[in-house]
Amino acid sequence: MAFLTTFLPIIIYILLIILLIVGIIIGIKLIATLAKVNKVVDDVNNKVKTLDGFFSVIDFTTDKIAAISDWIVDGIHSLIIKVFKKRKRKKVEEELENIEEEIESEE
């Protein structure tokens, strides 16, 4: 029993030292990896900034195309409404004439 009480703490200390060394190595590798990732992100940001002008032109063009298509759709819509209102007015006028004729014929 005395052997275990002296031997087990030594094994635990050795394993903790190994774990600490492995943790330090992993930390150093992570720092190096993060530096590389940071360089890649900076490079991508620079490349995206060069495309901002292109995207703004595309955005402007799509806005204008949408405005023109809205204007065309509104024009077609108003024409259709005018056509149906004319037909409706004609029907209402015909019905009024029929009612007037019936009233006159009854008198």
N, C-alpha and C. Protein backbone atom coordinates (compact mmCIF):
# COMPACT_ATOMS: atom_id res chain seq x y z
N MET A 1 0.81 -1.18 0.00
CA MET A 1 0.00 0.00 0.00
C MET A 1 0.86 1.25 0.00
N ALA A 2 1.96 1.19 0.69
CA ALA A 2 2.86 2.33 0.75
C ALA A 2 3.46 2.60 -0.63
N PHE A 3 3.65 1.50 -1.40
CA PHE A 3 4.18 1.64 -2.75
C PHE A 3 3.22 2.43 -3.62
N LEU A 4 1.89 2.14 -3.54
CA LEU A 4 0.89 2.83 -4.35
C LEU A 4 0.77 4.30 -3.96
N THR A 5 0.90 4.61 -2.70
CA THR A 5 0.76 6.01 -2.28
C THR A 5 1.94 6.86 -2.73
N THR A 6 3.08 6.25 -3.00
CA THR A 6 4.22 7.03 -3.50
C THR A 6 4.32 6.95 -5.03
N PHE A 7 3.89 5.84 -5.62
CA PHE A 7 4.04 5.64 -7.05
C PHE A 7 2.95 6.34 -7.86
N LEU A 8 1.69 6.30 -7.41
CA LEU A 8 0.57 6.89 -8.15
C LEU A 8 0.70 8.41 -8.30
N PRO A 9 1.08 9.16 -7.29
CA PRO A 9 1.24 10.61 -7.52
C PRO A 9 2.33 10.93 -8.55
N ILE A 10 3.38 10.11 -8.59
CA ILE A 10 4.44 10.34 -9.58
C ILE A 10 3.89 10.14 -10.98
N ILE A 11 3.10 9.08 -11.19
CA ILE A 11 2.49 8.80 -12.50
C ILE A 11 1.53 9.93 -12.88
N ILE A 12 0.74 10.37 -11.94
CA ILE A 12 -0.21 11.46 -12.20
C ILE A 12 0.54 12.74 -12.57
N TYR A 13 1.62 13.06 -11.89
CA TYR A 13 2.40 14.26 -12.20
C TYR A 13 3.03 14.15 -13.59
N ILE A 14 3.55 12.98 -13.93
CA ILE A 14 4.14 12.78 -15.26
C ILE A 14 3.08 12.96 -16.34
N LEU A 15 1.89 12.38 -16.14
CA LEU A 15 0.80 12.51 -17.11
C LEU A 15 0.33 13.96 -17.23
N LEU A 16 0.29 14.69 -16.13
CA LEU A 16 -0.10 16.10 -16.18
C LEU A 16 0.95 16.95 -16.92
N ILE A 17 2.22 16.62 -16.72
CA ILE A 17 3.28 17.33 -17.44
C ILE A 17 3.15 17.08 -18.94
N ILE A 18 2.91 15.82 -19.33
CA ILE A 18 2.73 15.48 -20.74
C ILE A 18 1.50 16.21 -21.31
N LEU A 19 0.42 16.24 -20.56
CA LEU A 19 -0.79 16.93 -21.00
C LEU A 19 -0.54 18.42 -21.17
N LEU A 20 0.22 19.01 -20.26
CA LEU A 20 0.54 20.43 -20.35
C LEU A 20 1.40 20.72 -21.58
N ILE A 21 2.37 19.88 -21.86
CA ILE A 21 3.24 20.06 -23.04
C ILE A 21 2.41 19.93 -24.32
N VAL A 22 1.53 18.93 -24.38
CA VAL A 22 0.68 18.74 -25.56
C VAL A 22 -0.24 19.96 -25.74
N GLY A 23 -0.78 20.46 -24.66
CA GLY A 23 -1.64 21.66 -24.73
C GLY A 23 -0.90 22.87 -25.25
N ILE A 24 0.35 23.05 -24.80
CA ILE A 24 1.17 24.17 -25.27
C ILE A 24 1.46 24.03 -26.77
N ILE A 25 1.80 22.84 -27.20
CA ILE A 25 2.08 22.60 -28.62
C ILE A 25 0.84 22.88 -29.47
N ILE A 26 -0.31 22.40 -29.02
CA ILE A 26 -1.56 22.64 -29.76
C ILE A 26 -1.88 24.13 -29.79
N GLY A 27 -1.64 24.82 -28.69
CA GLY A 27 -1.88 26.27 -28.65
C GLY A 27 -1.01 27.01 -29.63
N ILE A 28 0.28 26.64 -29.72
CA ILE A 28 1.20 27.30 -30.65
C ILE A 28 0.77 27.04 -32.09
N LYS A 29 0.37 25.80 -32.39
CA LYS A 29 -0.09 25.47 -33.74
C LYS A 29 -1.38 26.23 -34.08
N LEU A 30 -2.26 26.38 -33.10
CA LEU A 30 -3.50 27.13 -33.34
C LEU A 30 -3.21 28.60 -33.63
N ILE A 31 -2.26 29.17 -32.93
CA ILE A 31 -1.88 30.57 -33.17
C ILE A 31 -1.34 30.73 -34.59
N ALA A 32 -0.48 29.79 -35.01
CA ALA A 32 0.06 29.85 -36.37
C ALA A 32 -1.05 29.69 -37.41
N THR A 33 -1.97 28.78 -37.15
CA THR A 33 -3.10 28.57 -38.07
C THR A 33 -3.98 29.81 -38.15
N LEU A 34 -4.24 30.44 -37.03
CA LEU A 34 -5.06 31.66 -37.03
C LEU A 34 -4.37 32.78 -37.79
N ALA A 35 -3.06 32.86 -37.72
CA ALA A 35 -2.33 33.88 -38.49
C ALA A 35 -2.51 33.64 -39.99
N LYS A 36 -2.44 32.38 -40.42
CA LYS A 36 -2.65 32.05 -41.83
C LYS A 36 -4.08 32.35 -42.26
N VAL A 37 -5.03 32.01 -41.42
CA VAL A 37 -6.43 32.27 -41.73
C VAL A 37 -6.67 33.77 -41.83
N ASN A 38 -6.05 34.54 -40.96
CA ASN A 38 -6.19 35.99 -40.99
C ASN A 38 -5.66 36.56 -42.31
N LYS A 39 -4.53 36.04 -42.79
CA LYS A 39 -4.00 36.48 -44.08
C LYS A 39 -4.97 36.16 -45.22
N VAL A 40 -5.56 34.97 -45.19
CA VAL A 40 -6.51 34.58 -46.23
C VAL A 40 -7.74 35.48 -46.19
N VAL A 41 -8.24 35.78 -45.02
CA VAL A 41 -9.42 36.64 -44.88
C VAL A 41 -9.12 38.04 -45.38
N ASP A 42 -7.94 38.57 -45.07
CA ASP A 42 -7.56 39.88 -45.58
C ASP A 42 -7.48 39.89 -47.10
N ASP A 43 -6.93 38.83 -47.67
CA ASP A 43 -6.84 38.72 -49.13
C ASP A 43 -8.23 38.69 -49.76
N VAL A 44 -9.12 37.91 -49.17
CA VAL A 44 -10.49 37.83 -49.70
C VAL A 44 -11.19 39.18 -49.57
N ASN A 45 -10.99 39.88 -48.47
CA ASN A 45 -11.60 41.20 -48.30
C ASN A 45 -11.10 42.17 -49.37
N ASN A 46 -9.81 42.14 -49.66
CA ASN A 46 -9.27 43.01 -50.70
C ASN A 46 -9.87 42.69 -52.07
N LYS A 47 -10.02 41.42 -52.37
CA LYS A 47 -10.60 41.03 -53.66
C LYS A 47 -12.08 41.41 -53.74
N VAL A 48 -12.80 41.29 -52.65
CA VAL A 48 -14.21 41.66 -52.64
C VAL A 48 -14.36 43.17 -52.81
N LYS A 49 -13.47 43.94 -52.20
CA LYS A 49 -13.53 45.39 -52.34
C LYS A 49 -13.35 45.82 -53.79
N THR A 50 -12.54 45.08 -54.55
CA THR A 50 -12.37 45.42 -55.96
C THR A 50 -13.64 45.15 -56.75
N LEU A 51 -14.48 44.25 -56.28
CA LEU A 51 -15.72 43.93 -56.99
C LEU A 51 -16.90 44.79 -56.55
N ASP A 52 -16.72 45.64 -55.54
CA ASP A 52 -17.82 46.47 -55.05
C ASP A 52 -18.38 47.38 -56.14
N GLY A 53 -17.52 47.95 -56.97
CA GLY A 53 -17.98 48.81 -58.05
C GLY A 53 -18.84 48.05 -59.04
N PHE A 54 -18.40 46.85 -59.38
CA PHE A 54 -19.16 46.01 -60.31
C PHE A 54 -20.54 45.68 -59.74
N PHE A 55 -20.58 45.33 -58.47
CA PHE A 55 -21.86 45.00 -57.85
C PHE A 55 -22.76 46.22 -57.74
N SER A 56 -22.19 47.39 -57.52
CA SER A 56 -23.02 48.59 -57.45
C SER A 56 -23.63 48.90 -58.82
N VAL A 57 -22.88 48.66 -59.90
CA VAL A 57 -23.42 48.86 -61.25
C VAL A 57 -24.55 47.87 -61.51
N ILE A 58 -24.35 46.63 -61.12
CA ILE A 58 -25.41 45.63 -61.30
C ILE A 58 -26.64 45.99 -60.48
N ASP A 59 -26.44 46.46 -59.27
CA ASP A 59 -27.55 46.87 -58.41
C ASP A 59 -28.32 48.03 -59.04
N PHE A 60 -27.60 49.02 -59.53
CA PHE A 60 -28.23 50.17 -60.18
C PHE A 60 -29.03 49.72 -61.40
N THR A 61 -28.44 48.82 -62.23
CA THR A 61 -29.11 48.34 -63.43
C THR A 61 -30.38 47.57 -63.09
N THR A 62 -30.31 46.70 -62.10
CA THR A 62 -31.50 45.93 -61.75
C THR A 62 -32.58 46.83 -61.18
N ASP A 63 -32.20 47.87 -60.44
CA ASP A 63 -33.19 48.82 -59.93
C ASP A 63 -33.90 49.53 -61.08
N LYS A 64 -33.15 49.95 -62.08
CA LYS A 64 -33.75 50.64 -63.23
C LYS A 64 -34.64 49.69 -64.03
N ILE A 65 -34.20 48.47 -64.22
CA ILE A 65 -35.01 47.49 -64.95
C ILE A 65 -36.31 47.21 -64.20
N ALA A 66 -36.22 47.11 -62.89
CA ALA A 66 -37.42 46.89 -62.08
C ALA A 66 -38.37 48.08 -62.19
N ALA A 67 -37.81 49.29 -62.19
CA ALA A 67 -38.66 50.49 -62.31
C ALA A 67 -39.36 50.52 -63.66
N ILE A 68 -38.62 50.19 -64.72
CA ILE A 68 -39.22 50.17 -66.06
C ILE A 68 -40.29 49.10 -66.15
N SER A 69 -40.02 47.92 -65.64
CA SER A 69 -41.03 46.85 -65.70
C SER A 69 -42.26 47.21 -64.87
N ASP A 70 -42.06 47.88 -63.73
CA ASP A 70 -43.22 48.33 -62.95
C ASP A 70 -44.03 49.35 -63.73
N TRP A 71 -43.35 50.26 -64.43
CA TRP A 71 -44.04 51.27 -65.22
C TRP A 71 -44.85 50.62 -66.34
N ILE A 72 -44.27 49.59 -67.01
CA ILE A 72 -44.98 48.89 -68.08
C ILE A 72 -46.18 48.14 -67.52
N VAL A 73 -46.00 47.45 -66.41
CA VAL A 73 -47.11 46.70 -65.81
C VAL A 73 -48.22 47.65 -65.37
N ASP A 74 -47.87 48.80 -64.80
CA ASP A 74 -48.89 49.77 -64.40
C ASP A 74 -49.66 50.28 -65.61
N GLY A 75 -48.96 50.52 -66.72
CA GLY A 75 -49.62 50.98 -67.95
C GLY A 75 -50.59 49.95 -68.48
N ILE A 76 -50.15 48.71 -68.53
CA ILE A 76 -51.04 47.63 -69.01
C ILE A 76 -52.22 47.47 -68.07
N HIS A 77 -51.98 47.57 -66.80
CA HIS A 77 -53.06 47.44 -65.82
C HIS A 77 -54.09 48.55 -66.00
N SER A 78 -53.62 49.78 -66.21
CA SER A 78 -54.56 50.89 -66.37
C SER A 78 -55.35 50.74 -67.66
N LEU A 79 -54.73 50.22 -68.73
CA LEU A 79 -55.46 49.99 -69.98
C LEU A 79 -56.56 48.95 -69.78
N ILE A 80 -56.23 47.89 -69.08
CA ILE A 80 -57.22 46.84 -68.84
C ILE A 80 -58.37 47.38 -68.01
N ILE A 81 -58.06 48.17 -67.01
CA ILE A 81 -59.11 48.76 -66.17
C ILE A 81 -59.99 49.68 -67.01
N LYS A 82 -59.40 50.49 -67.89
CA LYS A 82 -60.19 51.39 -68.73
C LYS A 82 -61.12 50.61 -69.64
N VAL A 83 -60.64 49.51 -70.23
CA VAL A 83 -61.46 48.71 -71.13
C VAL A 83 -62.66 48.14 -70.37
N PHE A 84 -62.42 47.57 -69.20
CA PHE A 84 -63.52 46.97 -68.46
C PHE A 84 -64.48 48.02 -67.91
N LYS A 85 -63.99 49.20 -67.56
CA LYS A 85 -64.88 50.25 -67.08
C LYS A 85 -65.78 50.74 -68.20
N LYS A 86 -65.24 50.82 -69.43
CA LYS A 86 -66.06 51.24 -70.57
C LYS A 86 -67.18 50.23 -70.80
N ARG A 87 -66.85 48.96 -70.77
CA ARG A 87 -67.87 47.92 -70.96
C ARG A 87 -68.92 48.00 -69.86
N LYS A 88 -68.44 48.20 -68.65
CA LYS A 88 -69.37 48.28 -67.52
C LYS A 88 -70.27 49.50 -67.66
N ARG A 89 -69.71 50.63 -68.08
CA ARG A 89 -70.51 51.84 -68.28
C ARG A 89 -71.55 51.63 -69.37
N LYS A 90 -71.15 50.96 -70.45
CA LYS A 90 -72.09 50.68 -71.54
C LYS A 90 -73.24 49.82 -71.04
N LYS A 91 -72.91 48.81 -70.24
CA LYS A 91 -73.96 47.94 -69.70
C LYS A 91 -74.90 48.72 -68.80
N VAL A 92 -74.33 49.57 -67.97
CA VAL A 92 -75.16 50.36 -67.06
C VAL A 92 -76.04 51.32 -67.85
N GLU A 93 -75.48 51.95 -68.88
CA GLU A 93 -76.26 52.87 -69.71
C GLU A 93 -77.38 52.12 -70.44
N GLU A 94 -77.09 50.93 -70.97
CA GLU A 94 -78.11 50.14 -71.64
C GLU A 94 -79.23 49.74 -70.67
N GLU A 95 -78.83 49.35 -69.46
CA GLU A 95 -79.84 48.98 -68.48
C GLU A 95 -80.71 50.18 -68.11
N LEU A 96 -80.11 51.36 -67.99
CA LEU A 96 -80.87 52.57 -67.69
C LEU A 96 -81.83 52.90 -68.83
N GLU A 97 -81.37 52.74 -70.06
CA GLU A 97 -82.24 52.99 -71.21
C GLU A 97 -83.40 52.00 -71.23
N ASN A 98 -83.11 50.73 -70.93
CA ASN A 98 -84.17 49.71 -70.90
C ASN A 98 -85.19 50.04 -69.82
N ILE A 99 -84.72 50.47 -68.69
CA ILE A 99 -85.63 50.82 -67.59
C ILE A 99 -86.48 52.03 -67.98
N GLU A 100 -85.88 53.02 -68.62
CA GLU A 100 -86.61 54.21 -69.05
C GLU A 100 -87.67 53.84 -70.08
N GLU A 101 -87.29 52.94 -71.00
CA GLU A 101 -88.25 52.51 -72.03
C GLU A 101 -89.41 51.76 -71.39
N GLU A 102 -89.13 50.92 -70.41
CA GLU A 102 -90.19 50.19 -69.74
C GLU A 102 -91.12 51.15 -69.01
N ILE A 103 -90.54 52.16 -68.37
CA ILE A 103 -91.35 53.14 -67.64
C ILE A 103 -92.23 53.90 -68.63
N GLU A 104 -91.67 54.30 -69.78
CA GLU A 104 -92.45 55.03 -70.76
C GLU A 104 -93.54 54.15 -71.36
N SER A 105 -93.23 52.87 -71.59
CA SER A 105 -94.23 51.98 -72.19
C SER A 105 -95.37 51.68 -71.19
N GLU A 106 -95.08 51.70 -69.93
CA GLU A 106 -96.12 51.46 -68.94
C GLU A 106 -97.04 52.65 -68.80
N GLU A 107 -96.60 53.81 -69.08
CA GLU A 107 -97.44 54.99 -68.93
C GLU A 107 -98.35 55.11 -70.04
